[in-house]
């Protein structure tokens, strides 16, 4: 009986952790994909940086721009270029 009383709290903690992970599966998957897309967007901004400077449409390589690109994709790139042009940065 003493072995069961020492194991029971760990079993409850384990089952609770599994339950929480099952409930948070979709948000965790979304955040993982967002992180991956943000890294890819940072790479795209870094690749565009040397090409955009001679054309007069240089975008900064920062987390805000990368998140816009990660969330919106190609329309986000157009939005960043439009904001750059409209604000005269």
Foldseek 3Di string as FASTA:
>chain_A
DVVCVVCVVVVVVVVVVVVVCVVCVVVVVVVVQLVVQLVVLLVVLVVCQVVVVVVVQRDDRDSVLSSLCSVPPPVSVVVSSVVCVVVVD
